[in-house]
């Protein structure tokens, strides 16, 4: 029997939780940024939310032609957006 697993939409989970807490003004969120990102539209929804921190893991970094760590263009754009919204970025292994 082959059962397909539904993909969980993290924003929908967040929105449900936020509604349960009646949009409390002190409620905020930290996002885990994985090596694979959802669509730009999915990511864009987070910029309207009270995101306080973005946790990016070292395995999200690539190695450039000179051997230095770098992020994909999509990750770079996301991080730039976080910096523009004063979101703290945390790098962990």
C-alpha atoms as a PDB file:
ATOM      1  CA  UNK A   1       0.000   0.000   0.000  1.00  0.00           C
ATOM      2  CA  UNK A   2       1.473   3.350  -1.067  1.00  0.00           C
ATOM      3  CA  UNK A   3       0.324   6.283   1.041  1.00  0.00           C
ATOM      4  CA  UNK A   4       1.493   9.718  -0.074  1.00  0.00           C
ATOM      5  CA  UNK A   5       2.531  11.987   2.738  1.00  0.00           C
ATOM      6  CA  UNK A   6       1.091  15.484   2.565  1.00  0.00           C
ATOM      7  CA  UNK A   7       3.634  18.261   2.665  1.00  0.00           C
ATOM      8  CA  UNK A   8       3.244  20.380   5.761  1.00  0.00           C
ATOM      9  CA  UNK A   9       2.887  24.110   5.162  1.00  0.00           C
ATOM     10  CA  UNK A  10       4.735  25.761   8.049  1.00  0.00           C
ATOM     11  CA  UNK A  11       2.970  29.083   7.518  1.00  0.00           C
ATOM     12  CA  UNK A  12      -0.436  27.399   7.838  1.00  0.00           C
ATOM     13  CA  UNK A  13       0.693  25.788  11.117  1.00  0.00           C
ATOM     14  CA  UNK A  14       1.942  29.146  12.360  1.00  0.00           C
ATOM     15  CA  UNK A  15      -1.290  30.861  11.343  1.00  0.00           C
ATOM     16  CA  UNK A  16      -3.396  28.256  13.170  1.00  0.00           C
ATOM     17  CA  UNK A  17      -1.295  28.657  16.313  1.00  0.00           C
ATOM     18  CA  UNK A  18      -1.455  32.443  16.087  1.00  0.00           C
ATOM     19  CA  UNK A  19      -5.249  32.328  15.780  1.00  0.00           C
ATOM     20  CA  UNK A  20      -5.441  30.069  18.851  1.00  0.00           C
ATOM     21  CA  UNK A  21      -3.413  32.680  20.753  1.00  0.00           C
ATOM     22  CA  UNK A  22      -5.724  35.452  19.448  1.00  0.00           C
ATOM     23  CA  UNK A  23      -2.902  37.236  17.602  1.00  0.00           C
ATOM     24  CA  UNK A  24      -1.155  38.102  20.862  1.00  0.00           C
ATOM     25  CA  UNK A  25       1.193  41.055  20.312  1.00  0.00           C
ATOM     26  CA  UNK A  26       4.114  39.400  22.127  1.00  0.00           C
ATOM     27  CA  UNK A  27       3.989  36.258  19.991  1.00  0.00           C
ATOM     28  CA  UNK A  28       6.810  35.938  17.465  1.00  0.00           C
ATOM     29  CA  UNK A  29       8.557  33.154  15.598  1.00  0.00           C
ATOM     30  CA  UNK A  30      12.010  31.884  14.619  1.00  0.00           C
ATOM     31  CA  UNK A  31      12.332  30.155  11.253  1.00  0.00           C
ATOM     32  CA  UNK A  32      14.539  27.187  10.395  1.00  0.00           C
ATOM     33  CA  UNK A  33      16.084  27.756   6.975  1.00  0.00           C
ATOM     34  CA  UNK A  34      16.894  24.468   5.275  1.00  0.00           C
ATOM     35  CA  UNK A  35      19.055  23.767   2.203  1.00  0.00           C
ATOM     36  CA  UNK A  36      15.914  23.414   0.067  1.00  0.00           C
ATOM     37  CA  UNK A  37      13.579  26.389   0.047  1.00  0.00           C
ATOM     38  CA  UNK A  38       9.880  26.568  -0.799  1.00  0.00           C
ATOM     39  CA  UNK A  39       8.606  28.846  -3.560  1.00  0.00           C
ATOM     40  CA  UNK A  40       9.198  32.590  -3.471  1.00  0.00           C
ATOM     41  CA  UNK A  41       5.466  33.095  -2.838  1.00  0.00           C
ATOM     42  CA  UNK A  42       5.584  30.810   0.198  1.00  0.00           C
ATOM     43  CA  UNK A  43       8.641  32.608   1.540  1.00  0.00           C
ATOM     44  CA  UNK A  44       7.107  36.026   0.917  1.00  0.00           C
ATOM     45  CA  UNK A  45       4.274  35.336   3.372  1.00  0.00           C
ATOM     46  CA  UNK A  46       6.766  35.293   6.248  1.00  0.00           C
ATOM     47  CA  UNK A  47       7.759  38.921   5.705  1.00  0.00           C
ATOM     48  CA  UNK A  48       4.330  39.981   6.953  1.00  0.00           C
ATOM     49  CA  UNK A  49       4.779  38.016  10.169  1.00  0.00           C
ATOM     50  CA  UNK A  50       6.585  38.814  13.437  1.00  0.00           C
ATOM     51  CA  UNK A  51       9.706  36.823  12.584  1.00  0.00           C
ATOM     52  CA  UNK A  52      12.438  37.580  15.119  1.00  0.00           C
ATOM     53  CA  UNK A  53      15.126  35.114  14.063  1.00  0.00           C
ATOM     54  CA  UNK A  54      16.150  32.935  11.139  1.00  0.00           C
ATOM     55  CA  UNK A  55      18.210  29.843  11.900  1.00  0.00           C
ATOM     56  CA  UNK A  56      20.342  28.778   8.948  1.00  0.00           C
ATOM     57  CA  UNK A  57      22.303  25.556   9.081  1.00  0.00           C
ATOM     58  CA  UNK A  58      25.841  25.160   7.774  1.00  0.00           C
ATOM     59  CA  UNK A  59      24.659  22.467   5.334  1.00  0.00           C
ATOM     60  CA  UNK A  60      22.733  25.236   3.524  1.00  0.00           C
ATOM     61  CA  UNK A  61      26.045  26.702   2.343  1.00  0.00           C
ATOM     62  CA  UNK A  62      27.635  25.750  -0.964  1.00  0.00           C
ATOM     63  CA  UNK A  63      31.285  25.979  -1.959  1.00  0.00           C
ATOM     64  CA  UNK A  64      32.081  28.523  -4.661  1.00  0.00           C
ATOM     65  CA  UNK A  65      34.700  28.166  -7.412  1.00  0.00           C
ATOM     66  CA  UNK A  66      37.429  29.524  -5.122  1.00  0.00           C
ATOM     67  CA  UNK A  67      36.542  27.077  -2.344  1.00  0.00           C
ATOM     68  CA  UNK A  68      34.785  29.566  -0.071  1.00  0.00           C
ATOM     69  CA  UNK A  69      31.366  28.983   1.498  1.00  0.00           C
ATOM     70  CA  UNK A  70      28.486  30.824  -0.118  1.00  0.00           C
ATOM     71  CA  UNK A  71      24.712  30.624  -0.322  1.00  0.00           C
ATOM     72  CA  UNK A  72      22.576  29.901  -3.367  1.00  0.00           C
ATOM     73  CA  UNK A  73      21.022  32.942  -5.074  1.00  0.00           C
ATOM     74  CA  UNK A  74      17.645  32.090  -3.506  1.00  0.00           C
ATOM     75  CA  UNK A  75      19.167  31.860  -0.035  1.00  0.00           C
ATOM     76  CA  UNK A  76      21.035  35.133  -0.611  1.00  0.00           C
ATOM     77  CA  UNK A  77      17.808  36.910  -1.553  1.00  0.00           C
ATOM     78  CA  UNK A  78      16.049  35.479   1.493  1.00  0.00           C
ATOM     79  CA  UNK A  79      18.860  36.539   3.847  1.00  0.00           C
ATOM     80  CA  UNK A  80      18.901  40.006   2.296  1.00  0.00           C
ATOM     81  CA  UNK A  81      15.174  40.294   2.980  1.00  0.00           C
ATOM     82  CA  UNK A  82      15.735  39.210   6.572  1.00  0.00           C
ATOM     83  CA  UNK A  83      18.459  41.825   7.044  1.00  0.00           C
ATOM     84  CA  UNK A  84      16.144  44.492   5.594  1.00  0.00           C
ATOM     85  CA  UNK A  85      13.509  43.518   8.191  1.00  0.00           C
ATOM     86  CA  UNK A  86      16.004  43.487  11.101  1.00  0.00           C
ATOM     87  CA  UNK A  87      15.598  39.751  11.622  1.00  0.00           C
ATOM     88  CA  UNK A  88      18.422  38.149  13.599  1.00  0.00           C
ATOM     89  CA  UNK A  89      20.217  35.474  11.586  1.00  0.00           C
ATOM     90  CA  UNK A  90      21.726  32.573  13.529  1.00  0.00           C
ATOM     91  CA  UNK A  91      24.105  30.059  11.935  1.00  0.00           C
ATOM     92  CA  UNK A  92      24.295  26.578  13.492  1.00  0.00           C
ATOM     93  CA  UNK A  93      25.812  23.241  12.545  1.00  0.00           C
END
